[in-house]
Amino acid sequence: MKKILLVVACVLPMLANAQYTFDALQYSSSELRGTSRFVSMGGAFSALGGDISTLNQNPGGIGVYRSSDIGFSFGLDMNSSRPEGVTATNQTKVVVNNVGYVGSLKIGSTLKYFNWGFSYTRNNTFNRRYMGGLLGIPTSITNFMADLATSEGVEPSKLYMNHEYDYSPFSNTSYAYNVLGYNCGVIIPTGGTNYTGLGLNGTSGYAEYEVDEWGETDQYNISLGGNVQDVVYWGMSLGITSLDYHYYNYYGEQLENTEVLDDPGDIATIVKGNTTFGLVNNSRTTGNGYNFKLGLIFKPVNALRIGLAFHTPTFYDMKDVWDANMSAEFYGDEIEKGSYTKNFSSAVNEYRYKIRTPWRFMGGIAGVIGSKAIISADYEYVDNESMKILDNAGRVEPGSEEEMKTYLKPTHIMRVGAEYRINNSWSLRAGYQHQTSQVEKDVEDNKLFVTTSGYNPSYKFDKSQDYITCGVGFHYRSFYLDLAYLHRTRKSEYHAFSPIEYVNESGNRAIDEGIYTAVKDNSNRLSCTIGFRF
């Protein structure tokens, strides 16, 4: 393993809260969820309307209604997560996807209908679990910890058994995992404010990791809209959002033929030995927010519909609660006692802050072929770089806006859907949705140094997502029953810690990609919607 010399100290102040950038990105994302008709057509409803799910997408769709509607949607989620080269981990859950009501009142000849509605939608689920191991790791997280402590010039007195160390997620000196590493003996002081990790030349190692995420984002919409002469349909929605996210992360290494402290109470004597250690992080994030949506659907002729909508950011008030613990065992012939263990647990920390999620803009076009078929296509633009992270007083966190531009890029979402009416009672549907990566190519290619905060050096991000959907609908008088099947493929990456830039023996700069793995999720969902129009 290399002994790494960081050359990134000059960028640490700017990139001190990158983990929160990726977290905020995750909290602002949404899945393809809603009524079964909406899902089975890939969510391509920006130009269609007449469905409860449009209250959460293009509220102009509420204007299409000519009667009242009440519906309930539920489903069975079957998720599989598989890191590269590892057996998949499966989870199955029953989920309520959507509940809603639309009321319709006939007004007159110009404003033909005035409509109102309420809906609940499960916007996102965070349920995912994966684990694995890596043989022959090229570096060690202890090198990463030691080099950050050295770059910051942290005095050993600030690391030793000190719960008062600055744990603020947005502080430039908030690498609290260095406190854990120092007190567990996996980063060693070498004089002054210099430290060394345990990944040396000649050291061999094995790493293992486990990630468990669960929780959800729910949105409640209150909508108003109308119909102007059967040509323009308009609508607006107030969205109230709640978020609950839990995160567990374990990362451990087993290193052989390294240098360790001879005795837990003696920091002066270093001997050859072996070590096994593990770092556990637990956190819970909760938040409540609100947003506004405006939308129009224009029908110049009966066979053509054009839809436009935009969503303001969701204005979130957030609270994080997190803690961590680390344990290490040292053993070898040169250790006086033969072996010993060290453990250290953090304090439980709480931090309150605010997030402004990205602006969203969408447009769609739909063709109606007689009374038999509908073809629809949507495009959505998500301006990830417009996202903001603020302190609890509403001040933009220093460096966060630069981070958005450094790490993130806009997301493009394309949706297509079709419906064919077999007869007055039965319909067949199909759809597809593609979502592009949210992060810059240098992040995907592991060429950018990413600092994190608090006790957790790990981070993760999504690359791309694809949905393939189909379904069937049954209608009899005022009653309707819709069924849908959805298959999602999501590609993402988990990093135990950041890539690090170092100077090699030739004096040239190089990138050590750290320890990371690609993760592929396959999700299958069956959903059912039961409703009445009256």
Protein backbone atom coordinates (compact mmCIF):
# COMPACT_ATOMS: atom_id res chain seq x y z
CA MET A 1 0.00 0.00 0.00
CA LYS A 2 1.06 3.55 -0.66
CA LYS A 3 1.86 6.07 1.99
CA ILE A 4 -0.25 8.96 0.74
CA LEU A 5 0.57 12.64 0.83
CA LEU A 6 -2.50 14.80 0.37
CA VAL A 7 -2.22 17.84 -1.85
CA VAL A 8 -5.81 18.98 -1.37
CA ALA A 9 -5.54 21.14 1.72
CA CYS A 10 -6.24 24.26 -0.31
CA VAL A 11 -9.66 22.97 -1.39
CA LEU A 12 -10.85 21.66 1.97
CA PRO A 13 -12.58 24.88 3.04
CA MET A 14 -14.67 24.93 -0.15
CA LEU A 15 -15.64 21.27 -0.02
CA ALA A 16 -16.29 20.81 3.66
CA ASN A 17 -19.90 19.64 3.44
CA ALA A 18 -20.00 17.59 0.25
CA GLN A 19 -21.71 14.72 2.01
CA TYR A 20 -24.64 17.05 2.65
CA THR A 21 -24.71 17.89 -1.05
CA PHE A 22 -25.23 14.22 -1.92
CA ASP A 23 -27.71 13.76 0.94
CA ALA A 24 -29.76 16.75 -0.19
CA LEU A 25 -29.73 15.35 -3.72
CA GLN A 26 -31.16 12.09 -2.43
CA TYR A 27 -33.86 13.85 -0.40
CA SER A 28 -34.99 15.84 -3.46
CA SER A 29 -35.34 12.79 -5.73
CA SER A 30 -38.62 11.07 -6.49
CA GLU A 31 -39.62 7.69 -7.85
CA LEU A 32 -42.26 6.74 -10.40
CA ARG A 33 -45.22 6.32 -8.04
CA GLY A 34 -48.90 7.19 -8.09
CA THR A 35 -52.06 5.62 -9.47
CA SER A 36 -51.67 2.38 -11.40
CA ARG A 37 -52.78 4.03 -14.65
CA PHE A 38 -50.17 6.76 -14.20
CA VAL A 39 -47.43 4.22 -13.42
CA SER A 40 -48.33 1.81 -16.22
CA MET A 41 -47.92 4.63 -18.79
CA GLY A 42 -44.46 5.54 -17.47
CA GLY A 43 -45.74 8.72 -15.78
CA ALA A 44 -46.09 10.45 -19.16
CA PHE A 45 -49.10 12.52 -18.08
CA SER A 46 -47.91 16.13 -18.37
CA ALA A 47 -50.22 16.67 -21.36
CA LEU A 48 -53.03 14.28 -20.38
CA GLY A 49 -54.49 15.01 -16.94
CA GLY A 50 -57.71 13.51 -15.71
CA ASP A 51 -55.83 11.36 -13.16
CA ILE A 52 -55.30 11.88 -9.43
CA SER A 53 -51.51 11.57 -9.86
CA THR A 54 -51.41 14.74 -11.97
CA LEU A 55 -51.99 16.75 -8.78
CA ASN A 56 -48.41 15.79 -7.93
CA GLN A 57 -47.04 16.30 -11.46
CA ASN A 58 -48.85 18.79 -13.72
CA PRO A 59 -51.70 20.28 -11.66
CA GLY A 60 -53.23 21.57 -14.90
CA GLY A 61 -54.47 18.02 -15.26
CA ILE A 62 -57.13 18.64 -12.60
CA GLY A 63 -58.89 20.94 -15.08
CA VAL A 64 -59.62 18.01 -17.38
CA TYR A 65 -62.05 16.49 -14.89
CA ARG A 66 -65.80 16.71 -15.61
CA SER A 67 -66.86 14.59 -12.64
CA SER A 68 -65.66 13.79 -9.15
CA ASP A 69 -63.11 11.04 -8.52
CA ILE A 70 -61.92 9.14 -5.47
CA GLY A 71 -59.19 6.50 -5.61
CA PHE A 72 -56.87 4.38 -3.49
CA SER A 73 -53.60 2.84 -4.74
CA PHE A 74 -51.42 0.26 -3.03
CA GLY A 75 -48.65 -2.05 -4.13
CA LEU A 76 -46.12 -4.73 -3.39
CA ASP A 77 -42.48 -3.59 -3.71
CA MET A 78 -39.80 -6.23 -4.33
CA ASN A 79 -36.30 -4.71 -4.23
CA SER A 80 -32.96 -6.34 -4.92
CA SER A 81 -29.59 -4.59 -4.36
CA ARG A 82 -26.35 -6.13 -5.57
CA PRO A 83 -22.86 -4.65 -5.23
CA GLU A 84 -20.44 -5.67 -7.95
CA GLY A 85 -19.41 -9.31 -7.55
CA VAL A 86 -21.62 -9.92 -4.52
CA THR A 87 -24.87 -11.82 -3.96
CA ALA A 88 -27.97 -9.62 -4.02
CA THR A 89 -29.94 -8.68 -0.90
CA ASN A 90 -33.74 -8.75 -1.31
CA GLN A 91 -36.52 -6.89 0.46
CA THR A 92 -40.32 -7.05 0.00
CA LYS A 93 -42.75 -4.48 1.40
CA VAL A 94 -46.40 -3.50 1.04
CA VAL A 95 -46.73 0.23 0.26
CA VAL A 96 -49.63 2.66 -0.05
CA ASN A 97 -48.68 4.67 -3.14
CA ASN A 98 -51.52 7.14 -3.59
CA VAL A 99 -54.84 8.26 -2.13
CA GLY A 100 -56.85 11.11 -3.58
CA TYR A 101 -60.11 12.90 -4.18
CA VAL A 102 -61.14 15.38 -6.90
CA GLY A 103 -64.38 17.35 -6.78
CA SER A 104 -65.86 18.92 -9.91
CA LEU A 105 -68.42 21.72 -10.25
CA LYS A 106 -69.94 22.86 -13.56
CA ILE A 107 -69.86 26.68 -13.74
CA GLY A 108 -70.82 28.17 -17.12
CA SER A 109 -69.93 28.62 -20.77
CA THR A 110 -66.47 30.24 -20.44
CA LEU A 111 -65.12 28.71 -17.25
CA LYS A 112 -66.89 25.43 -17.80
CA TYR A 113 -65.69 23.58 -14.70
CA PHE A 114 -64.03 24.52 -11.45
CA ASN A 115 -62.29 21.60 -9.74
CA TRP A 116 -60.52 21.02 -6.45
CA GLY A 117 -58.69 18.05 -5.02
CA PHE A 118 -56.53 16.50 -2.35
CA SER A 119 -53.98 13.73 -2.78
CA TYR A 120 -51.38 11.80 -0.82
CA THR A 121 -48.43 10.31 -2.72
CA ARG A 122 -45.47 8.25 -1.54
CA ASN A 123 -42.85 10.22 -3.50
CA ASN A 124 -39.84 8.12 -2.61
CA THR A 125 -38.73 5.14 -0.57
CA PHE A 126 -35.20 4.71 0.73
CA ASN A 127 -35.44 0.97 1.45
CA ARG A 128 -32.17 -0.60 0.37
CA ARG A 129 -29.64 -2.93 1.92
CA TYR A 130 -26.36 -4.25 0.54
CA MET A 131 -23.10 -5.64 1.83
CA GLY A 132 -19.86 -7.09 0.56
CA GLY A 133 -16.10 -7.40 0.89
CA LEU A 134 -12.99 -6.46 -1.05
CA LEU A 135 -9.75 -8.45 -1.14
CA GLY A 136 -6.35 -6.89 -1.67
CA ILE A 137 -7.43 -3.33 -0.93
CA PRO A 138 -4.99 -0.78 -2.40
CA THR A 139 -5.15 1.65 0.52
CA SER A 140 -6.68 2.02 3.97
CA ILE A 141 -9.25 4.32 5.47
CA THR A 142 -6.71 4.96 8.23
CA ASN A 143 -4.47 6.70 5.65
CA PHE A 144 -7.41 8.85 4.66
CA MET A 145 -8.09 9.82 8.29
CA ALA A 146 -4.44 10.52 9.06
CA ASP A 147 -3.90 12.64 5.98
CA LEU A 148 -6.95 14.77 6.69
CA ALA A 149 -5.84 15.35 10.27
CA THR A 150 -2.37 16.30 8.99
CA SER A 151 -3.77 18.61 6.31
CA GLU A 152 -5.89 20.41 8.88
CA GLY A 153 -3.06 20.72 11.36
CA VAL A 154 -5.18 19.26 14.17
CA GLU A 155 -3.44 19.15 17.54
CA PRO A 156 -3.48 15.70 19.22
CA SER A 157 -5.03 17.32 22.28
CA LYS A 158 -8.14 18.08 20.20
CA LEU A 159 -8.50 14.44 19.22
CA TYR A 160 -7.79 12.67 22.48
CA MET A 161 -11.02 11.50 24.21
CA ASN A 162 -12.64 14.80 23.31
CA HIS A 163 -16.40 15.00 22.73
CA GLU A 164 -16.13 18.80 22.51
CA TYR A 165 -14.33 18.63 19.16
CA ASP A 166 -16.22 20.66 16.53
CA TYR A 167 -18.77 18.23 15.07
CA SER A 168 -20.74 20.80 13.05
CA PRO A 169 -21.42 19.28 9.62
CA PHE A 170 -20.38 22.50 7.90
CA SER A 171 -17.26 23.29 9.88
CA ASN A 172 -13.92 23.01 8.09
CA THR A 173 -12.60 21.09 11.09
CA SER A 174 -15.51 18.69 11.45
CA TYR A 175 -13.79 15.39 10.66
CA ALA A 176 -15.04 13.76 13.81
CA TYR A 177 -14.12 10.29 12.54
CA ASN A 178 -10.52 11.35 13.18
CA VAL A 179 -11.42 11.44 16.87
CA LEU A 180 -12.63 7.85 16.60
CA GLY A 181 -9.54 6.77 14.66
CA TYR A 182 -7.12 8.49 17.04
CA ASN A 183 -8.67 7.09 20.21
CA CYS A 184 -8.80 3.60 18.72
CA GLY A 185 -5.14 3.75 17.72
CA VAL A 186 -5.60 3.37 13.95
CA ILE A 187 -4.10 6.78 13.21
CA ILE A 188 -0.79 7.42 14.94
CA PRO A 189 0.81 10.81 15.76
CA THR A 190 4.34 11.14 14.41
CA GLY A 191 5.21 14.51 15.88
CA GLY A 192 3.52 17.91 16.01
CA THR A 193 0.37 17.83 13.91
CA ASN A 194 1.52 14.99 11.65
CA TYR A 195 -0.16 11.58 11.61
CA THR A 196 0.23 8.28 9.80
CA GLY A 197 -2.25 5.58 8.92
CA LEU A 198 -1.75 1.81 8.93
CA GLY A 199 -1.71 1.20 5.16
CA LEU A 200 2.03 1.00 4.52
CA ASN A 201 4.17 -0.44 1.75
CA GLY A 202 4.05 -4.20 2.28
CA THR A 203 0.75 -4.12 4.17
CA SER A 204 -1.98 -6.42 2.85
CA GLY A 205 -5.62 -6.03 3.65
CA TYR A 206 -9.26 -6.96 3.36
CA ALA A 207 -12.28 -4.64 3.68
CA GLU A 208 -15.95 -5.30 4.34
CA TYR A 209 -18.98 -3.01 4.33
CA GLU A 210 -22.70 -3.05 5.04
CA VAL A 211 -25.24 -0.35 4.25
CA ASP A 212 -28.86 -0.37 5.41
CA GLU A 213 -31.23 2.46 4.46
CA TRP A 214 -34.93 2.80 5.15
CA GLY A 215 -37.59 5.49 5.24
CA GLU A 216 -39.73 7.50 2.86
CA THR A 217 -40.76 10.89 1.51
CA ASP A 218 -44.50 11.59 1.49
CA GLN A 219 -46.30 14.48 -0.19
CA TYR A 220 -49.79 15.88 0.42
CA ASN A 221 -51.21 18.10 -2.32
CA ILE A 222 -54.08 20.57 -2.17
CA SER A 223 -55.07 21.59 -5.71
CA LEU A 224 -57.40 23.94 -7.58
CA GLY A 225 -58.04 24.13 -11.30
CA GLY A 226 -60.48 24.70 -14.09
CA ASN A 227 -61.52 24.33 -17.71
CA VAL A 228 -61.69 27.33 -20.05
CA GLN A 229 -63.91 26.50 -23.05
CA ASP A 230 -62.49 22.96 -23.35
CA VAL A 231 -59.27 24.47 -24.74
CA VAL A 232 -57.17 25.54 -21.75
CA TYR A 233 -56.98 23.53 -18.55
CA TRP A 234 -55.19 25.15 -15.62
CA GLY A 235 -54.27 24.16 -12.11
CA MET A 236 -52.14 24.92 -9.07
CA SER A 237 -51.06 22.84 -6.10
CA LEU A 238 -49.68 23.42 -2.65
CA GLY A 239 -47.49 20.48 -1.66
CA ILE A 240 -46.70 19.62 1.96
CA THR A 241 -43.85 17.14 2.29
CA SER A 242 -42.54 15.00 5.14
CA LEU A 243 -39.29 13.02 5.13
CA ASP A 244 -37.96 10.30 7.39
CA TYR A 245 -34.63 8.67 6.51
CA HIS A 246 -32.57 6.16 8.52
CA TYR A 247 -29.02 5.18 7.67
CA TYR A 248 -26.72 2.47 9.05
CA ASN A 249 -23.21 2.01 7.71
CA TYR A 250 -20.51 -0.43 8.80
CA TYR A 251 -17.04 -0.37 7.33
CA GLY A 252 -14.16 -2.53 8.57
CA GLU A 253 -10.67 -3.60 7.58
CA GLN A 254 -8.28 -6.39 8.45
CA LEU A 255 -4.65 -5.38 7.91
CA GLU A 256 -1.56 -7.56 8.17
CA ASN A 257 2.11 -6.60 8.34
CA THR A 258 1.63 -3.02 9.41
CA GLU A 259 2.90 -0.80 12.24
CA VAL A 260 0.83 -0.45 15.40
CA LEU A 261 1.19 1.00 18.88
CA ASP A 262 2.77 -1.48 21.28
CA ASP A 263 0.45 -0.66 24.16
CA PRO A 264 -2.88 1.22 24.38
CA GLY A 265 -1.41 3.56 26.95
CA ASP A 266 1.95 4.04 25.23
CA ILE A 267 1.88 6.27 22.16
CA ALA A 268 5.66 6.37 21.80
CA THR A 269 6.50 2.78 20.88
CA ILE A 270 5.56 1.48 17.45
CA VAL A 271 6.01 -2.19 16.50
CA LYS A 272 5.10 -4.53 13.65
CA GLY A 273 1.69 -6.14 14.01
CA ASN A 274 -1.78 -6.77 12.62
CA THR A 275 -5.14 -5.17 13.23
CA THR A 276 -8.85 -5.68 12.69
CA PHE A 277 -11.17 -2.71 13.15
CA GLY A 278 -14.68 -1.55 12.31
CA LEU A 279 -16.48 1.79 12.13
CA VAL A 280 -20.27 2.00 12.62
CA ASN A 281 -22.37 5.07 11.78
CA ASN A 282 -26.04 5.52 12.64
CA SER A 283 -28.11 8.52 11.62
CA ARG A 284 -31.69 9.62 11.24
CA THR A 285 -32.86 12.60 9.19
CA THR A 286 -36.34 14.04 9.50
CA GLY A 287 -37.79 17.02 7.71
CA ASN A 288 -40.94 18.88 6.75
CA GLY A 289 -41.36 21.19 3.80
CA TYR A 290 -43.66 22.80 1.29
CA ASN A 291 -43.66 23.63 -2.42
CA PHE A 292 -45.88 25.08 -5.13
CA LYS A 293 -46.76 23.74 -8.56
CA LEU A 294 -48.38 25.48 -11.52
CA GLY A 295 -49.50 23.84 -14.74
CA LEU A 296 -51.41 24.21 -18.00
CA ILE A 297 -52.74 21.84 -20.63
CA PHE A 298 -53.61 23.32 -24.02
CA LYS A 299 -55.89 21.47 -26.46
CA PRO A 300 -55.93 23.31 -29.82
CA VAL A 301 -57.75 20.39 -31.47
CA ASN A 302 -59.29 17.29 -29.98
CA ALA A 303 -56.46 15.04 -31.19
CA LEU A 304 -53.60 17.09 -29.70
CA ARG A 305 -52.74 18.18 -26.15
CA ILE A 306 -49.71 20.13 -24.94
CA GLY A 307 -48.79 20.36 -21.27
CA LEU A 308 -46.42 22.62 -19.31
CA ALA A 309 -45.68 22.73 -15.58
CA PHE A 310 -43.08 23.90 -13.11
CA HIS A 311 -42.40 23.07 -9.48
CA THR A 312 -40.77 25.46 -7.05
CA PRO A 313 -38.12 24.07 -4.72
CA THR A 314 -39.35 22.25 -1.65
CA PHE A 315 -38.46 24.44 1.34
CA TYR A 316 -37.35 21.92 3.98
CA ASP A 317 -36.62 22.32 7.69
CA MET A 318 -34.33 19.41 8.56
CA LYS A 319 -32.96 17.72 11.65
CA ASP A 320 -30.13 15.19 11.77
CA VAL A 321 -29.34 12.99 14.76
CA TRP A 322 -26.25 10.81 14.48
CA ASP A 323 -23.65 8.87 16.42
CA ALA A 324 -20.84 6.43 15.75
CA ASN A 325 -18.58 3.92 17.40
CA MET A 326 -15.31 2.26 16.51
CA SER A 327 -13.50 -0.77 17.86
CA ALA A 328 -10.05 -2.14 17.00
CA GLU A 329 -8.06 -5.23 17.93
CA PHE A 330 -4.26 -5.30 17.63
CA TYR A 331 -2.24 -8.51 17.71
CA GLY A 332 1.22 -9.81 16.79
CA ASP A 333 4.43 -11.30 18.17
CA GLU A 334 6.10 -7.91 18.74
CA ILE A 335 3.23 -6.59 20.88
CA GLU A 336 4.21 -6.94 24.52
CA LYS A 337 0.81 -8.20 25.65
CA GLY A 338 0.28 -10.31 22.53
CA SER A 339 -2.98 -8.50 21.77
CA TYR A 340 -5.24 -5.75 23.04
CA THR A 341 -8.44 -3.93 22.01
CA LYS A 342 -9.53 -0.31 21.94
CA ASN A 343 -13.07 1.07 21.67
CA PHE A 344 -14.47 4.54 21.37
CA SER A 345 -18.08 5.76 21.08
CA SER A 346 -19.10 9.23 20.05
CA ALA A 347 -21.60 11.49 21.66
CA VAL A 348 -25.08 11.64 20.12
CA ASN A 349 -25.18 14.79 18.01
CA GLU A 350 -28.06 16.83 16.64
CA TYR A 351 -27.98 19.44 13.91
CA ARG A 352 -30.79 21.55 12.42
CA TYR A 353 -30.55 23.13 8.98
CA LYS A 354 -32.58 23.89 5.86
CA ILE A 355 -32.61 22.62 2.27
CA ARG A 356 -34.03 24.15 -0.90
CA THR A 357 -34.45 21.34 -3.43
CA PRO A 358 -34.03 21.97 -7.19
CA TRP A 359 -36.48 23.73 -9.48
CA ARG A 360 -38.30 21.38 -11.85
CA PHE A 361 -39.67 22.17 -15.31
CA MET A 362 -41.64 19.76 -17.49
CA GLY A 363 -43.45 19.67 -20.77
CA GLY A 364 -45.36 17.07 -22.68
CA ILE A 365 -47.31 16.35 -25.84
CA ALA A 366 -50.03 13.77 -26.33
CA GLY A 367 -51.98 12.51 -29.33
CA VAL A 368 -55.50 11.09 -29.05
CA ILE A 369 -56.36 8.67 -31.85
CA GLY A 370 -60.12 8.61 -32.10
CA SER A 371 -61.64 6.91 -29.08
CA LYS A 372 -59.20 4.01 -29.19
CA ALA A 373 -55.65 5.09 -28.33
CA ILE A 374 -53.44 7.66 -26.59
CA ILE A 375 -49.71 8.23 -27.14
CA SER A 376 -47.88 10.60 -24.81
CA ALA A 377 -44.29 11.86 -24.33
CA ASP A 378 -42.80 14.01 -21.54
CA TYR A 379 -39.54 15.76 -20.81
CA GLU A 380 -38.52 17.01 -17.35
CA TYR A 381 -35.54 19.18 -16.42
CA VAL A 382 -34.28 19.12 -12.82
CA ASP A 383 -31.90 22.00 -12.05
CA ASN A 384 -29.76 20.27 -9.41
CA GLU A 385 -27.27 23.13 -9.34
CA SER A 386 -29.99 25.47 -8.01
CA MET A 387 -30.25 23.45 -4.79
CA LYS A 388 -29.30 25.28 -1.60
CA ILE A 389 -28.13 24.21 1.84
CA LEU A 390 -28.68 26.74 4.63
CA ASP A 391 -28.14 26.93 8.36
CA ASN A 392 -31.11 27.03 10.72
CA ALA A 393 -31.23 30.83 10.48
CA GLY A 394 -31.63 30.65 6.69
CA ARG A 395 -28.09 31.70 5.73
CA VAL A 396 -26.50 29.85 2.80
CA GLU A 397 -23.73 27.62 4.11
CA PRO A 398 -20.30 28.88 2.97
CA GLY A 399 -19.00 26.94 -0.01
CA SER A 400 -22.23 25.01 -0.60
CA GLU A 401 -23.14 26.84 -3.81
CA GLU A 402 -19.68 26.16 -5.22
CA GLU A 403 -20.12 22.50 -4.35
CA MET A 404 -23.37 22.26 -6.28
CA LYS A 405 -21.54 23.45 -9.40
CA THR A 406 -18.51 21.24 -8.73
CA TYR A 407 -20.30 17.97 -8.08
CA LEU A 408 -23.76 18.18 -9.67
CA LYS A 409 -25.29 18.64 -13.10
CA PRO A 410 -28.91 18.87 -14.30
CA THR A 411 -30.96 15.71 -14.50
CA HIS A 412 -32.99 14.99 -17.64
CA ILE A 413 -36.04 12.73 -17.40
CA MET A 414 -37.75 11.34 -20.51
CA ARG A 415 -41.10 9.54 -20.34
CA VAL A 416 -43.28 7.88 -22.97
CA GLY A 417 -46.59 6.10 -22.53
CA ALA A 418 -49.42 4.58 -24.51
CA GLU A 419 -52.94 3.33 -23.88
CA TYR A 420 -55.17 1.26 -26.13
CA ARG A 421 -58.86 0.82 -25.39
CA ILE A 422 -59.99 -2.68 -26.34
CA ASN A 423 -63.65 -1.91 -25.65
CA ASN A 424 -65.72 0.25 -23.33
CA SER A 425 -64.51 -1.70 -20.28
CA TRP A 426 -60.92 -2.82 -20.90
CA SER A 427 -57.68 -0.94 -21.69
CA LEU A 428 -54.06 -1.97 -22.16
CA ARG A 429 -51.14 0.33 -21.25
CA ALA A 430 -47.35 0.50 -21.44
CA GLY A 431 -44.61 3.01 -20.71
CA TYR A 432 -40.92 3.77 -20.30
CA GLN A 433 -38.92 6.32 -18.30
CA HIS A 434 -35.21 7.17 -18.35
CA GLN A 435 -33.43 9.41 -15.85
CA THR A 436 -29.87 10.60 -16.46
CA SER A 437 -27.08 10.90 -13.91
CA GLN A 438 -27.21 13.66 -11.31
CA VAL A 439 -23.45 14.09 -10.83
CA GLU A 440 -20.58 15.37 -12.94
CA LYS A 441 -18.47 12.89 -14.90
CA ASP A 442 -15.39 13.55 -12.74
CA VAL A 443 -17.40 12.41 -9.72
CA GLU A 444 -18.54 9.28 -11.55
CA ASP A 445 -14.94 8.62 -12.66
CA ASN A 446 -13.57 9.07 -9.10
CA LYS A 447 -11.36 12.00 -10.06
CA LEU A 448 -12.63 14.50 -7.48
CA PHE A 449 -11.74 14.69 -3.81
CA VAL A 450 -14.97 14.53 -1.77
CA THR A 451 -14.85 15.49 1.88
CA THR A 452 -17.59 14.46 4.26
CA SER A 453 -18.59 15.59 7.71
CA GLY A 454 -19.29 14.34 11.18
CA TYR A 455 -18.34 10.74 11.88
CA ASN A 456 -19.12 9.31 8.47
CA PRO A 457 -16.43 9.28 5.73
CA SER A 458 -18.65 7.36 3.27
CA TYR A 459 -20.92 8.76 0.56
CA LYS A 460 -23.04 7.44 -2.30
CA PHE A 461 -24.80 8.71 -5.42
CA ASP A 462 -27.07 7.50 -8.22
CA LYS A 463 -25.96 7.40 -11.83
CA SER A 464 -28.97 6.51 -13.98
CA GLN A 465 -32.41 4.96 -13.65
CA ASP A 466 -34.68 3.18 -16.14
CA TYR A 467 -38.31 2.13 -15.73
CA ILE A 468 -40.27 -0.29 -17.91
CA THR A 469 -44.00 -0.43 -17.14
CA CYS A 470 -47.22 -2.01 -18.32
CA GLY A 471 -50.76 -2.45 -17.07
CA VAL A 472 -54.40 -3.13 -17.63
CA GLY A 473 -57.52 -1.16 -16.74
CA PHE A 474 -61.14 -2.16 -16.16
CA HIS A 475 -64.03 0.31 -16.07
CA TYR A 476 -67.68 -0.41 -15.30
CA ARG A 477 -70.09 2.48 -14.81
CA SER A 478 -68.61 4.59 -11.97
CA PHE A 479 -66.20 1.90 -10.78
CA TYR A 480 -62.65 1.41 -12.09
CA LEU A 481 -59.85 -1.02 -11.30
CA ASP A 482 -56.31 -0.53 -12.64
CA LEU A 483 -53.35 -2.87 -12.34
CA ALA A 484 -49.72 -2.03 -13.12
CA TYR A 485 -46.33 -3.71 -13.20
CA LEU A 486 -43.10 -1.73 -12.94
CA HIS A 487 -39.49 -2.80 -13.33
CA ARG A 488 -36.77 -0.34 -12.33
CA THR A 489 -33.02 -0.60 -12.84
CA ARG A 490 -30.88 1.85 -10.90
CA LYS A 491 -27.09 2.19 -11.08
CA SER A 492 -25.27 3.84 -8.19
CA GLU A 493 -21.94 3.89 -6.37
CA TYR A 494 -20.96 3.50 -2.72
CA HIS A 495 -17.66 4.97 -1.51
CA ALA A 496 -16.24 4.00 1.87
CA PHE A 497 -14.20 7.20 1.64
CA SER A 498 -13.13 9.69 -0.98
CA PRO A 499 -10.59 9.33 -3.76
CA ILE A 500 -7.38 11.01 -2.61
CA GLU A 501 -4.74 12.90 -4.49
CA TYR A 502 -1.14 12.16 -3.58
CA VAL A 503 2.41 12.67 -4.74
CA ASN A 504 4.06 9.44 -5.89
CA GLU A 505 7.70 8.47 -5.55
CA SER A 506 8.49 10.21 -8.86
CA GLY A 507 7.11 13.47 -7.54
CA ASN A 508 4.04 13.41 -9.81
CA ARG A 509 0.45 13.89 -8.74
CA ALA A 510 -1.78 10.83 -8.93
CA ILE A 511 -5.25 9.78 -7.81
CA ASP A 512 -5.88 6.88 -5.46
CA GLU A 513 -9.50 5.97 -6.12
CA GLY A 514 -10.06 4.83 -2.56
CA ILE A 515 -12.40 1.95 -1.81
CA TYR A 516 -15.74 1.90 -3.62
CA THR A 517 -18.15 -0.43 -5.37
CA ALA A 518 -20.83 -0.17 -8.02
CA VAL A 519 -24.32 -1.08 -6.79
CA LYS A 520 -27.17 -2.17 -9.06
CA ASP A 521 -30.77 -2.16 -7.86
CA ASN A 522 -33.54 -4.10 -9.55
CA SER A 523 -37.02 -3.25 -8.31
CA ASN A 524 -40.26 -4.93 -9.28
CA ARG A 525 -43.58 -3.50 -8.20
CA LEU A 526 -47.16 -4.66 -8.56
CA SER A 527 -49.75 -1.99 -7.88
CA CYS A 528 -53.52 -1.80 -7.81
CA THR A 529 -55.83 1.22 -7.88
CA ILE A 530 -59.49 1.04 -6.93
CA GLY A 531 -61.68 4.08 -7.54
CA PHE A 532 -65.05 5.60 -8.29
CA ARG A 533 -66.08 8.49 -10.55
CA PHE A 534 -69.40 10.12 -9.82
